[in-house]
Amino acid sequence: MKSIMQSEKECYLCGRNGTSDPLDSHHIFNGYGLREKSEEYGLKVYLCHFNCHIYGDYAAHRSRATADFLKAEGQRAFMKEYGKTKEEFISIFGRNYINE
């Protein structure tokens, strides 16, 4: 499924277009069965492979703060796009990521 979080093919975190650092598709939620749910609901974003996805200090796979930020953004997008409540989100993805 296409991403519900962005329409342009650019890094969700830094806005680069992938010419100097190729873009990867990043599933927001991972772990047992959650990657598939991310795919099913379009909860994925483009990230620069080296800097924002894998190896940079604040990359999604190295920084808990970045991963948590993306998960909160994913939860908001899911609730808005599908008209679901926080409780409905938790029943599908296992926990709440929004600290409001």
PDB file of N, CA and C in Angstrom:
ATOM      1  N   MET A   1       0.842  -1.191   0.000  1.00  0.00           N
ATOM      2  CA  MET A   1       0.000   0.000   0.000  1.00  0.00           C
ATOM      3  C   MET A   1       0.882   1.248   0.000  1.00  0.00           C
ATOM      4  N   LYS A   2       0.379   2.274  -0.622  1.00  0.00           N
ATOM      5  CA  LYS A   2       1.045   3.572  -0.662  1.00  0.00           C
ATOM      6  C   LYS A   2       1.045   4.209   0.729  1.00  0.00           C
ATOM      7  N   SER A   3       2.024   5.030   0.998  1.00  0.00           N
ATOM      8  CA  SER A   3       2.125   5.707   2.291  1.00  0.00           C
ATOM      9  C   SER A   3       0.989   6.698   2.499  1.00  0.00           C
ATOM     10  N   ILE A   4       0.408   6.682   3.686  1.00  0.00           N
ATOM     11  CA  ILE A   4      -0.583   7.711   4.038  1.00  0.00           C
ATOM     12  C   ILE A   4       0.103   8.899   4.700  1.00  0.00           C
ATOM     13  N   MET A   5       1.418   8.794   4.906  1.00  0.00           N
ATOM     14  CA  MET A   5       2.140   9.824   5.650  1.00  0.00           C
ATOM     15  C   MET A   5       2.828  10.851   4.760  1.00  0.00           C
ATOM     16  N   GLN A   6       3.080  10.517   3.512  1.00  0.00           N
ATOM     17  CA  GLN A   6       3.714  11.490   2.628  1.00  0.00           C
ATOM     18  C   GLN A   6       3.367  11.168   1.177  1.00  0.00           C
ATOM     19  N   SER A   7       3.290  12.222   0.381  1.00  0.00           N
ATOM     20  CA  SER A   7       2.955  12.052  -1.026  1.00  0.00           C
ATOM     21  C   SER A   7       4.162  12.237  -1.932  1.00  0.00           C
ATOM     22  N   GLU A   8       5.171  12.934  -1.464  1.00  0.00           N
ATOM     23  CA  GLU A   8       6.375  13.186  -2.260  1.00  0.00           C
ATOM     24  C   GLU A   8       7.456  12.176  -1.900  1.00  0.00           C
ATOM     25  N   LYS A   9       8.274  11.817  -2.884  1.00  0.00           N
ATOM     26  CA  LYS A   9       9.395  10.908  -2.614  1.00  0.00           C
ATOM     27  C   LYS A   9      10.593  11.746  -2.173  1.00  0.00           C
ATOM     28  N   GLU A  10      10.610  12.012  -0.860  1.00  0.00           N
ATOM     29  CA  GLU A  10      11.689  12.761  -0.235  1.00  0.00           C
ATOM     30  C   GLU A  10      11.822  12.261   1.197  1.00  0.00           C
ATOM     31  N   CYS A  11      12.974  12.501   1.795  1.00  0.00           N
ATOM     32  CA  CYS A  11      13.193  12.037   3.165  1.00  0.00           C
ATOM     33  C   CYS A  11      12.213  12.732   4.113  1.00  0.00           C
ATOM     34  N   TYR A  12      11.496  11.940   4.873  1.00  0.00           N
ATOM     35  CA  TYR A  12      10.503  12.467   5.815  1.00  0.00           C
ATOM     36  C   TYR A  12      11.161  13.322   6.896  1.00  0.00           C
ATOM     37  N   LEU A  13      12.406  12.994   7.241  1.00  0.00           N
ATOM     38  CA  LEU A  13      13.079  13.705   8.335  1.00  0.00           C
ATOM     39  C   LEU A  13      13.835  14.946   7.883  1.00  0.00           C
ATOM     40  N   CYS A  14      14.566  14.863   6.773  1.00  0.00           N
ATOM     41  CA  CYS A  14      15.398  16.007   6.376  1.00  0.00           C
ATOM     42  C   CYS A  14      14.944  16.678   5.088  1.00  0.00           C
ATOM     43  N   GLY A  15      14.055  16.039   4.330  1.00  0.00           N
ATOM     44  CA  GLY A  15      13.520  16.631   3.115  1.00  0.00           C
ATOM     45  C   GLY A  15      14.366  16.454   1.867  1.00  0.00           C
ATOM     46  N   ARG A  16      15.504  15.764   1.966  1.00  0.00           N
ATOM     47  CA  ARG A  16      16.346  15.569   0.781  1.00  0.00           C
ATOM     48  C   ARG A  16      15.661  14.628  -0.204  1.00  0.00           C
ATOM     49  N   ASN A  17      16.069  14.756  -1.478  1.00  0.00           N
ATOM     50  CA  ASN A  17      15.386  14.007  -2.536  1.00  0.00           C
ATOM     51  C   ASN A  17      16.055  12.701  -2.928  1.00  0.00           C
ATOM     52  N   GLY A  18      17.139  12.325  -2.290  1.00  0.00           N
ATOM     53  CA  GLY A  18      17.778  11.046  -2.566  1.00  0.00           C
ATOM     54  C   GLY A  18      18.888  11.078  -3.584  1.00  0.00           C
ATOM     55  N   THR A  19      19.274  12.238  -4.092  1.00  0.00           N
ATOM     56  CA  THR A  19      20.331  12.272  -5.097  1.00  0.00           C
ATOM     57  C   THR A  19      21.700  11.979  -4.503  1.00  0.00           C
ATOM     58  N   SER A  20      21.986  12.439  -3.303  1.00  0.00           N
ATOM     59  CA  SER A  20      23.300  12.183  -2.701  1.00  0.00           C
ATOM     60  C   SER A  20      23.271  11.013  -1.711  1.00  0.00           C
ATOM     61  N   ASP A  21      22.128  10.645  -1.241  1.00  0.00           N
ATOM     62  CA  ASP A  21      21.957   9.526  -0.305  1.00  0.00           C
ATOM     63  C   ASP A  21      20.639   8.862  -0.698  1.00  0.00           C
ATOM     64  N   PRO A  22      20.689   7.656  -1.266  1.00  0.00           N
ATOM     65  CA  PRO A  22      19.464   7.031  -1.772  1.00  0.00           C
ATOM     66  C   PRO A  22      18.384   6.900  -0.703  1.00  0.00           C
ATOM     67  N   LEU A  23      17.144   6.961  -1.143  1.00  0.00           N
ATOM     68  CA  LEU A  23      16.009   6.865  -0.219  1.00  0.00           C
ATOM     69  C   LEU A  23      15.583   5.418  -0.027  1.00  0.00           C
ATOM     70  N   ASP A  24      15.270   5.071   1.217  1.00  0.00           N
ATOM     71  CA  ASP A  24      14.719   3.760   1.571  1.00  0.00           C
ATOM     72  C   ASP A  24      13.285   3.952   2.025  1.00  0.00           C
ATOM     73  N   SER A  25      12.476   2.932   1.824  1.00  0.00           N
ATOM     74  CA  SER A  25      11.131   2.916   2.390  1.00  0.00           C
ATOM     75  C   SER A  25      11.238   2.308   3.789  1.00  0.00           C
ATOM     76  N   HIS A  26      10.825   3.059   4.787  1.00  0.00           N
ATOM     77  CA  HIS A  26      10.939   2.635   6.189  1.00  0.00           C
ATOM     78  C   HIS A  26       9.553   2.358   6.756  1.00  0.00           C
ATOM     79  N   HIS A  27       9.347   1.141   7.249  1.00  0.00           N
ATOM     80  CA  HIS A  27       8.098   0.793   7.919  1.00  0.00           C
ATOM     81  C   HIS A  27       8.150   1.358   9.332  1.00  0.00           C
ATOM     82  N   ILE A  28       7.171   2.156   9.698  1.00  0.00           N
ATOM     83  CA  ILE A  28       7.176   2.852  10.988  1.00  0.00           C
ATOM     84  C   ILE A  28       7.156   1.875  12.152  1.00  0.00           C
ATOM     85  N   PHE A  29       6.332   0.865  12.063  1.00  0.00           N
ATOM     86  CA  PHE A  29       6.203  -0.107  13.157  1.00  0.00           C
ATOM     87  C   PHE A  29       6.868  -1.405  12.741  1.00  0.00           C
ATOM     88  N   ASN A  30       7.627  -1.992  13.649  1.00  0.00           N
ATOM     89  CA  ASN A  30       8.322  -3.237  13.350  1.00  0.00           C
ATOM     90  C   ASN A  30       8.163  -4.200  14.519  1.00  0.00           C
ATOM     91  N   GLY A  31       8.685  -5.369  14.357  1.00  0.00           N
ATOM     92  CA  GLY A  31       8.516  -6.401  15.377  1.00  0.00           C
ATOM     93  C   GLY A  31       7.479  -7.398  14.926  1.00  0.00           C
ATOM     94  N   TYR A  32       7.118  -8.293  15.804  1.00  0.00           N
ATOM     95  CA  TYR A  32       6.243  -9.409  15.471  1.00  0.00           C
ATOM     96  C   TYR A  32       4.923  -8.950  14.844  1.00  0.00           C
ATOM     97  N   GLY A  33       4.795  -9.131  13.539  1.00  0.00           N
ATOM     98  CA  GLY A  33       3.571  -8.807  12.816  1.00  0.00           C
ATOM     99  C   GLY A  33       3.326  -7.334  12.544  1.00  0.00           C
ATOM    100  N   LEU A  34       4.134  -6.460  13.126  1.00  0.00           N
ATOM    101  CA  LEU A  34       3.858  -5.024  12.977  1.00  0.00           C
ATOM    102  C   LEU A  34       4.347  -4.452  11.652  1.00  0.00           C
ATOM    103  N   ARG A  35       5.408  -5.022  11.097  1.00  0.00           N
ATOM    104  CA  ARG A  35       5.884  -4.553   9.783  1.00  0.00           C
ATOM    105  C   ARG A  35       4.791  -4.775   8.742  1.00  0.00           C
ATOM    106  N   GLU A  36       4.132  -5.927   8.818  1.00  0.00           N
ATOM    107  CA  GLU A  36       3.045  -6.233   7.894  1.00  0.00           C
ATOM    108  C   GLU A  36       1.875  -5.276   8.081  1.00  0.00           C
ATOM    109  N   LYS A  37       1.591  -4.917   9.336  1.00  0.00           N
ATOM    110  CA  LYS A  37       0.514  -3.962   9.595  1.00  0.00           C
ATOM    111  C   LYS A  37       0.885  -2.574   9.096  1.00  0.00           C
ATOM    112  N   SER A  38       2.163  -2.200   9.239  1.00  0.00           N
ATOM    113  CA  SER A  38       2.626  -0.922   8.684  1.00  0.00           C
ATOM    114  C   SER A  38       2.377  -0.896   7.179  1.00  0.00           C
ATOM    115  N   GLU A  39       2.681  -1.986   6.520  1.00  0.00           N
ATOM    116  CA  GLU A  39       2.475  -2.099   5.077  1.00  0.00           C
ATOM    117  C   GLU A  39       0.981  -2.021   4.753  1.00  0.00           C
ATOM    118  N   GLU A  40       0.180  -2.773   5.475  1.00  0.00           N
ATOM    119  CA  GLU A  40      -1.263  -2.830   5.234  1.00  0.00           C
ATOM    120  C   GLU A  40      -1.931  -1.462   5.351  1.00  0.00           C
ATOM    121  N   TYR A  41      -1.522  -0.683   6.354  1.00  0.00           N
ATOM    122  CA  TYR A  41      -2.159   0.611   6.612  1.00  0.00           C
ATOM    123  C   TYR A  41      -1.412   1.804   6.005  1.00  0.00           C
ATOM    124  N   GLY A  42      -0.322   1.542   5.271  1.00  0.00           N
ATOM    125  CA  GLY A  42       0.414   2.631   4.625  1.00  0.00           C
ATOM    126  C   GLY A  42       1.241   3.460   5.583  1.00  0.00           C
ATOM    127  N   LEU A  43       1.692   2.840   6.672  1.00  0.00           N
ATOM    128  CA  LEU A  43       2.473   3.559   7.675  1.00  0.00           C
ATOM    129  C   LEU A  43       3.964   3.344   7.423  1.00  0.00           C
ATOM    130  N   LYS A  44       4.425   4.020   6.371  1.00  0.00           N
ATOM    131  CA  LYS A  44       5.827   3.970   5.994  1.00  0.00           C
ATOM    132  C   LYS A  44       6.223   5.313   5.405  1.00  0.00           C
ATOM    133  N   VAL A  45       7.493   5.610   5.501  1.00  0.00           N
ATOM    134  CA  VAL A  45       8.013   6.883   4.999  1.00  0.00           C
ATOM    135  C   VAL A  45       9.332   6.629   4.287  1.00  0.00           C
ATOM    136  N   TYR A  46       9.717   7.582   3.443  1.00  0.00           N
ATOM    137  CA  TYR A  46      11.041   7.537   2.832  1.00  0.00           C
ATOM    138  C   TYR A  46      12.039   8.189   3.780  1.00  0.00           C
ATOM    139  N   LEU A  47      13.209   7.553   3.895  1.00  0.00           N
ATOM    140  CA  LEU A  47      14.309   8.102   4.687  1.00  0.00           C
ATOM    141  C   LEU A  47      15.607   7.958   3.905  1.00  0.00           C
ATOM    142  N   CYS A  48      16.508   8.924   4.043  1.00  0.00           N
ATOM    143  CA  CYS A  48      17.836   8.817   3.451  1.00  0.00           C
ATOM    144  C   CYS A  48      18.520   7.582   4.028  1.00  0.00           C
ATOM    145  N   HIS A  49      19.024   6.706   3.168  1.00  0.00           N
ATOM    146  CA  HIS A  49      19.570   5.424   3.611  1.00  0.00           C
ATOM    147  C   HIS A  49      20.628   5.572   4.708  1.00  0.00           C
ATOM    148  N   PHE A  50      21.684   6.329   4.457  1.00  0.00           N
ATOM    149  CA  PHE A  50      22.793   6.389   5.395  1.00  0.00           C
ATOM    150  C   PHE A  50      22.516   7.294   6.589  1.00  0.00           C
ATOM    151  N   ASN A  51      22.095   8.513   6.317  1.00  0.00           N
ATOM    152  CA  ASN A  51      22.004   9.504   7.393  1.00  0.00           C
ATOM    153  C   ASN A  51      20.756   9.367   8.259  1.00  0.00           C
ATOM    154  N   CYS A  52      19.614   9.215   7.666  1.00  0.00           N
ATOM    155  CA  CYS A  52      18.364   9.261   8.438  1.00  0.00           C
ATOM    156  C   CYS A  52      17.762   7.890   8.738  1.00  0.00           C
ATOM    157  N   HIS A  53      18.142   6.857   7.985  1.00  0.00           N
ATOM    158  CA  HIS A  53      17.549   5.538   8.179  1.00  0.00           C
ATOM    159  C   HIS A  53      18.422   4.608   9.019  1.00  0.00           C
ATOM    160  N   ILE A  54      19.704   4.463   8.644  1.00  0.00           N
ATOM    161  CA  ILE A  54      20.521   3.412   9.249  1.00  0.00           C
ATOM    162  C   ILE A  54      21.676   3.917  10.125  1.00  0.00           C
ATOM    163  N   TYR A  55      22.516   4.794   9.610  1.00  0.00           N
ATOM    164  CA  TYR A  55      23.806   5.045  10.250  1.00  0.00           C
ATOM    165  C   TYR A  55      23.992   6.373  10.970  1.00  0.00           C
ATOM    166  N   GLY A  56      23.217   7.374  10.661  1.00  0.00           N
ATOM    167  CA  GLY A  56      23.413   8.683  11.292  1.00  0.00           C
ATOM    168  C   GLY A  56      23.115   8.651  12.787  1.00  0.00           C
ATOM    169  N   ASP A  57      23.637   9.622  13.499  1.00  0.00           N
ATOM    170  CA  ASP A  57      23.425   9.686  14.957  1.00  0.00           C
ATOM    171  C   ASP A  57      21.944   9.706  15.330  1.00  0.00           C
ATOM    172  N   TYR A  58      21.137  10.304  14.485  1.00  0.00           N
ATOM    173  CA  TYR A  58      19.700  10.394  14.755  1.00  0.00           C
ATOM    174  C   TYR A  58      18.872   9.531  13.804  1.00  0.00           C
ATOM    175  N   ALA A  59      19.511   8.531  13.198  1.00  0.00           N
ATOM    176  CA  ALA A  59      18.827   7.645  12.252  1.00  0.00           C
ATOM    177  C   ALA A  59      17.758   6.824  12.965  1.00  0.00           C
ATOM    178  N   ALA A  60      16.721   6.487  12.233  1.00  0.00           N
ATOM    179  CA  ALA A  60      15.578   5.771  12.812  1.00  0.00           C
ATOM    180  C   ALA A  60      15.973   4.444  13.465  1.00  0.00           C
ATOM    181  N   HIS A  61      17.008   3.790  12.942  1.00  0.00           N
ATOM    182  CA  HIS A  61      17.430   2.503  13.514  1.00  0.00           C
ATOM    183  C   HIS A  61      18.516   2.644  14.576  1.00  0.00           C
ATOM    184  N   ARG A  62      18.913   3.874  14.885  1.00  0.00           N
ATOM    185  CA  ARG A  62      19.928   4.095  15.926  1.00  0.00           C
ATOM    186  C   ARG A  62      19.441   4.964  17.072  1.00  0.00           C
ATOM    187  N   SER A  63      18.444   5.764  16.821  1.00  0.00           N
ATOM    188  CA  SER A  63      17.978   6.730  17.815  1.00  0.00           C
ATOM    189  C   SER A  63      16.560   6.393  18.271  1.00  0.00           C
ATOM    190  N   ARG A  64      16.425   6.099  19.539  1.00  0.00           N
ATOM    191  CA  ARG A  64      15.096   5.809  20.103  1.00  0.00           C
ATOM    192  C   ARG A  64      14.175   7.021  19.957  1.00  0.00           C
ATOM    193  N   ALA A  65      14.739   8.217  20.128  1.00  0.00           N
ATOM    194  CA  ALA A  65      13.933   9.435  20.013  1.00  0.00           C
ATOM    195  C   ALA A  65      13.364   9.579  18.598  1.00  0.00           C
ATOM    196  N   THR A  66      14.174   9.305  17.586  1.00  0.00           N
ATOM    197  CA  THR A  66      13.698   9.395  16.209  1.00  0.00           C
ATOM    198  C   THR A  66      12.644   8.329  15.932  1.00  0.00           C
ATOM    199  N   ALA A  67      12.907   7.106  16.371  1.00  0.00           N
ATOM    200  CA  ALA A  67      11.939   6.021  16.175  1.00  0.00           C
ATOM    201  C   ALA A  67      10.614   6.346  16.865  1.00  0.00           C
ATOM    202  N   ASP A  68      10.683   6.857  18.079  1.00  0.00           N
ATOM    203  CA  ASP A  68       9.462   7.216  18.810  1.00  0.00           C
ATOM    204  C   ASP A  68       8.719   8.371  18.139  1.00  0.00           C
ATOM    205  N   PHE A  69       9.463   9.341  17.618  1.00  0.00           N
ATOM    206  CA  PHE A  69       8.856  10.451  16.883  1.00  0.00           C
ATOM    207  C   PHE A  69       8.089   9.921  15.672  1.00  0.00           C
ATOM    208  N   LEU A  70       8.718   9.039  14.891  1.00  0.00           N
ATOM    209  CA  LEU A  70       8.064   8.480  13.716  1.00  0.00           C
ATOM    210  C   LEU A  70       6.838   7.652  14.094  1.00  0.00           C
ATOM    211  N   LYS A  71       6.911   6.926  15.195  1.00  0.00           N
ATOM    212  CA  LYS A  71       5.764   6.129  15.639  1.00  0.00           C
ATOM    213  C   LYS A  71       4.604   7.029  16.071  1.00  0.00           C
ATOM    214  N   ALA A  72       4.906   8.113  16.750  1.00  0.00           N
ATOM    215  CA  ALA A  72       3.845   9.056  17.139  1.00  0.00           C
ATOM    216  C   ALA A  72       3.224   9.687  15.889  1.00  0.00           C
ATOM    217  N   GLU A  73       4.055  10.049  14.917  1.00  0.00           N
ATOM    218  CA  GLU A  73       3.552  10.603  13.658  1.00  0.00           C
ATOM    219  C   GLU A  73       2.693   9.565  12.937  1.00  0.00           C
ATOM    220  N   GLY A  74       3.137   8.312  12.954  1.00  0.00           N
ATOM    221  CA  GLY A  74       2.374   7.241  12.328  1.00  0.00           C
ATOM    222  C   GLY A  74       1.033   7.030  13.000  1.00  0.00           C
ATOM    223  N   GLN A  75       1.016   7.079  14.314  1.00  0.00           N
ATOM    224  CA  GLN A  75      -0.248   6.922  15.040  1.00  0.00           C
ATOM    225  C   GLN A  75      -1.214   8.049  14.691  1.00  0.00           C
ATOM    226  N   ARG A  76      -0.714   9.277  14.677  1.00  0.00           N
ATOM    227  CA  ARG A  76      -1.578  10.418  14.320  1.00  0.00           C
ATOM    228  C   ARG A  76      -2.145  10.259  12.908  1.00  0.00           C
ATOM    229  N   ALA A  77      -1.284   9.865  11.969  1.00  0.00           N
ATOM    230  CA  ALA A  77      -1.725   9.693  10.582  1.00  0.00           C
ATOM    231  C   ALA A  77      -2.767   8.579  10.485  1.00  0.00           C
ATOM    232  N   PHE A  78      -2.547   7.482  11.186  1.00  0.00           N
ATOM    233  CA  PHE A  78      -3.485   6.362  11.193  1.00  0.00           C
ATOM    234  C   PHE A  78      -4.838   6.799  11.732  1.00  0.00           C
ATOM    235  N   MET A  79      -4.841   7.474  12.872  1.00  0.00           N
ATOM    236  CA  MET A  79      -6.093   7.885  13.501  1.00  0.00           C
ATOM    237  C   MET A  79      -6.851   8.866  12.614  1.00  0.00           C
ATOM    238  N   LYS A  80      -6.132   9.768  11.971  1.00  0.00           N
ATOM    239  CA  LYS A  80      -6.767  10.745  11.085  1.00  0.00           C
ATOM    240  C   LYS A  80      -7.302  10.074   9.815  1.00  0.00           C
ATOM    241  N   GLU A  81      -6.465   9.293   9.154  1.00  0.00           N
ATOM    242  CA  GLU A  81      -6.832   8.671   7.876  1.00  0.00           C
ATOM    243  C   GLU A  81      -7.989   7.686   8.013  1.00  0.00           C
ATOM    244  N   TYR A  82      -7.961   6.897   9.085  1.00  0.00           N
ATOM    245  CA  TYR A  82      -8.958   5.833   9.241  1.00  0.00           C
ATOM    246  C   TYR A  82     -10.062   6.180  10.237  1.00  0.00           C
ATOM    247  N   GLY A  83     -10.005   7.366  10.831  1.00  0.00           N
ATOM    248  CA  GLY A  83     -11.040   7.790  11.767  1.00  0.00           C
ATOM    249  C   GLY A  83     -11.113   6.909  13.003  1.00  0.00           C
ATOM    250  N   LYS A  84      -9.965   6.456  13.472  1.00  0.00           N
ATOM    251  CA  LYS A  84      -9.909   5.540  14.618  1.00  0.00           C
ATOM    252  C   LYS A  84      -9.524   6.288  15.896  1.00  0.00           C
ATOM    253  N   THR A  85      -9.906   5.720  17.016  1.00  0.00           N
ATOM    254  CA  THR A  85      -9.555   6.275  18.319  1.00  0.00           C
ATOM    255  C   THR A  85      -8.195   5.743  18.767  1.00  0.00           C
ATOM    256  N   LYS A  86      -7.690   6.336  19.836  1.00  0.00           N
ATOM    257  CA  LYS A  86      -6.445   5.858  20.423  1.00  0.00           C
ATOM    258  C   LYS A  86      -6.584   4.401  20.853  1.00  0.00           C
ATOM    259  N   GLU A  87      -7.710   4.057  21.429  1.00  0.00           N
ATOM    260  CA  GLU A  87      -7.933   2.682  21.891  1.00  0.00           C
ATOM    261  C   GLU A  87      -7.961   1.698  20.723  1.00  0.00           C
ATOM    262  N   GLU A  88      -8.547   2.114  19.614  1.00  0.00           N
ATOM    263  CA  GLU A  88      -8.572   1.254  18.428  1.00  0.00           C
ATOM    264  C   GLU A  88      -7.157   1.078  17.868  1.00  0.00           C
ATOM    265  N   PHE A  89      -6.375   2.158  17.889  1.00  0.00           N
ATOM    266  CA  PHE A  89      -4.984   2.053  17.454  1.00  0.00           C
ATOM    267  C   PHE A  89      -4.237   1.054  18.337  1.00  0.00           C
ATOM    268  N   ILE A  90      -4.392   1.169  19.640  1.00  0.00           N
ATOM    269  CA  ILE A  90      -3.708   0.273  20.579  1.00  0.00           C
ATOM    270  C   ILE A  90      -4.122  -1.176  20.339  1.00  0.00           C
ATOM    271  N   SER A  91      -5.385  -1.420  20.030  1.00  0.00           N
ATOM    272  CA  SER A  91      -5.836  -2.794  19.802  1.00  0.00           C
ATOM    273  C   SER A  91      -5.169  -3.420  18.578  1.00  0.00           C
ATOM    274  N   ILE A  92      -4.729  -2.596  17.639  1.00  0.00           N
ATOM    275  CA  ILE A  92      -4.062  -3.095  16.433  1.00  0.00           C
ATOM    276  C   ILE A  92      -2.549  -3.124  16.596  1.00  0.00           C
ATOM    277  N   PHE A  93      -1.970  -2.054  17.158  1.00  0.00           N
ATOM    278  CA  PHE A  93      -0.511  -1.912  17.218  1.00  0.00           C
ATOM    279  C   PHE A  93       0.089  -2.156  18.600  1.00  0.00           C
ATOM    280  N   GLY A  94      -0.748  -2.401  19.594  1.00  0.00           N
ATOM    281  CA  GLY A  94      -0.245  -2.854  20.886  1.00  0.00           C
ATOM    282  C   GLY A  94       0.046  -1.814  21.935  1.00  0.00           C
ATOM    283  N   ARG A  95       0.229  -0.562  21.545  1.00  0.00           N
ATOM    284  CA  ARG A  95       0.483   0.485  22.533  1.00  0.00           C
ATOM    285  C   ARG A  95       0.272   1.864  21.946  1.00  0.00           C
ATOM    286  N   ASN A  96       0.212   2.838  22.828  1.00  0.00           N
ATOM    287  CA  ASN A  96       0.044   4.236  22.459  1.00  0.00           C
ATOM    288  C   ASN A  96       1.419   4.886  22.337  1.00  0.00           C
ATOM    289  N   TYR A  97       1.604   5.692  21.303  1.00  0.00           N
ATOM    290  CA  TYR A  97       2.889   6.383  21.097  1.00  0.00           C
ATOM    291  C   TYR A  97       2.762   7.895  21.229  1.00  0.00           C
ATOM    292  N   ILE A  98       1.545   8.386  21.446  1.00  0.00           N
ATOM    293  CA  ILE A  98       1.324   9.824  21.570  1.00  0.00           C
ATOM    294  C   ILE A  98       1.286  10.207  23.040  1.00  0.00           C
ATOM    295  N   ASN A  99       2.157  11.124  23.415  1.00  0.00           N
ATOM    296  CA  ASN A  99       2.248  11.561  24.810  1.00  0.00           C
ATOM    297  C   ASN A  99       1.509  12.880  24.994  1.00  0.00           C
ATOM    298  N   GLU A 100       0.211  12.881  24.745  1.00  0.00           N
ATOM    299  CA  GLU A 100      -0.580  14.109  24.889  1.00  0.00           C
ATOM    300  C   GLU A 100      -1.651  13.883  25.908  1.00  0.00           C
TER     301      GLU A 100
END
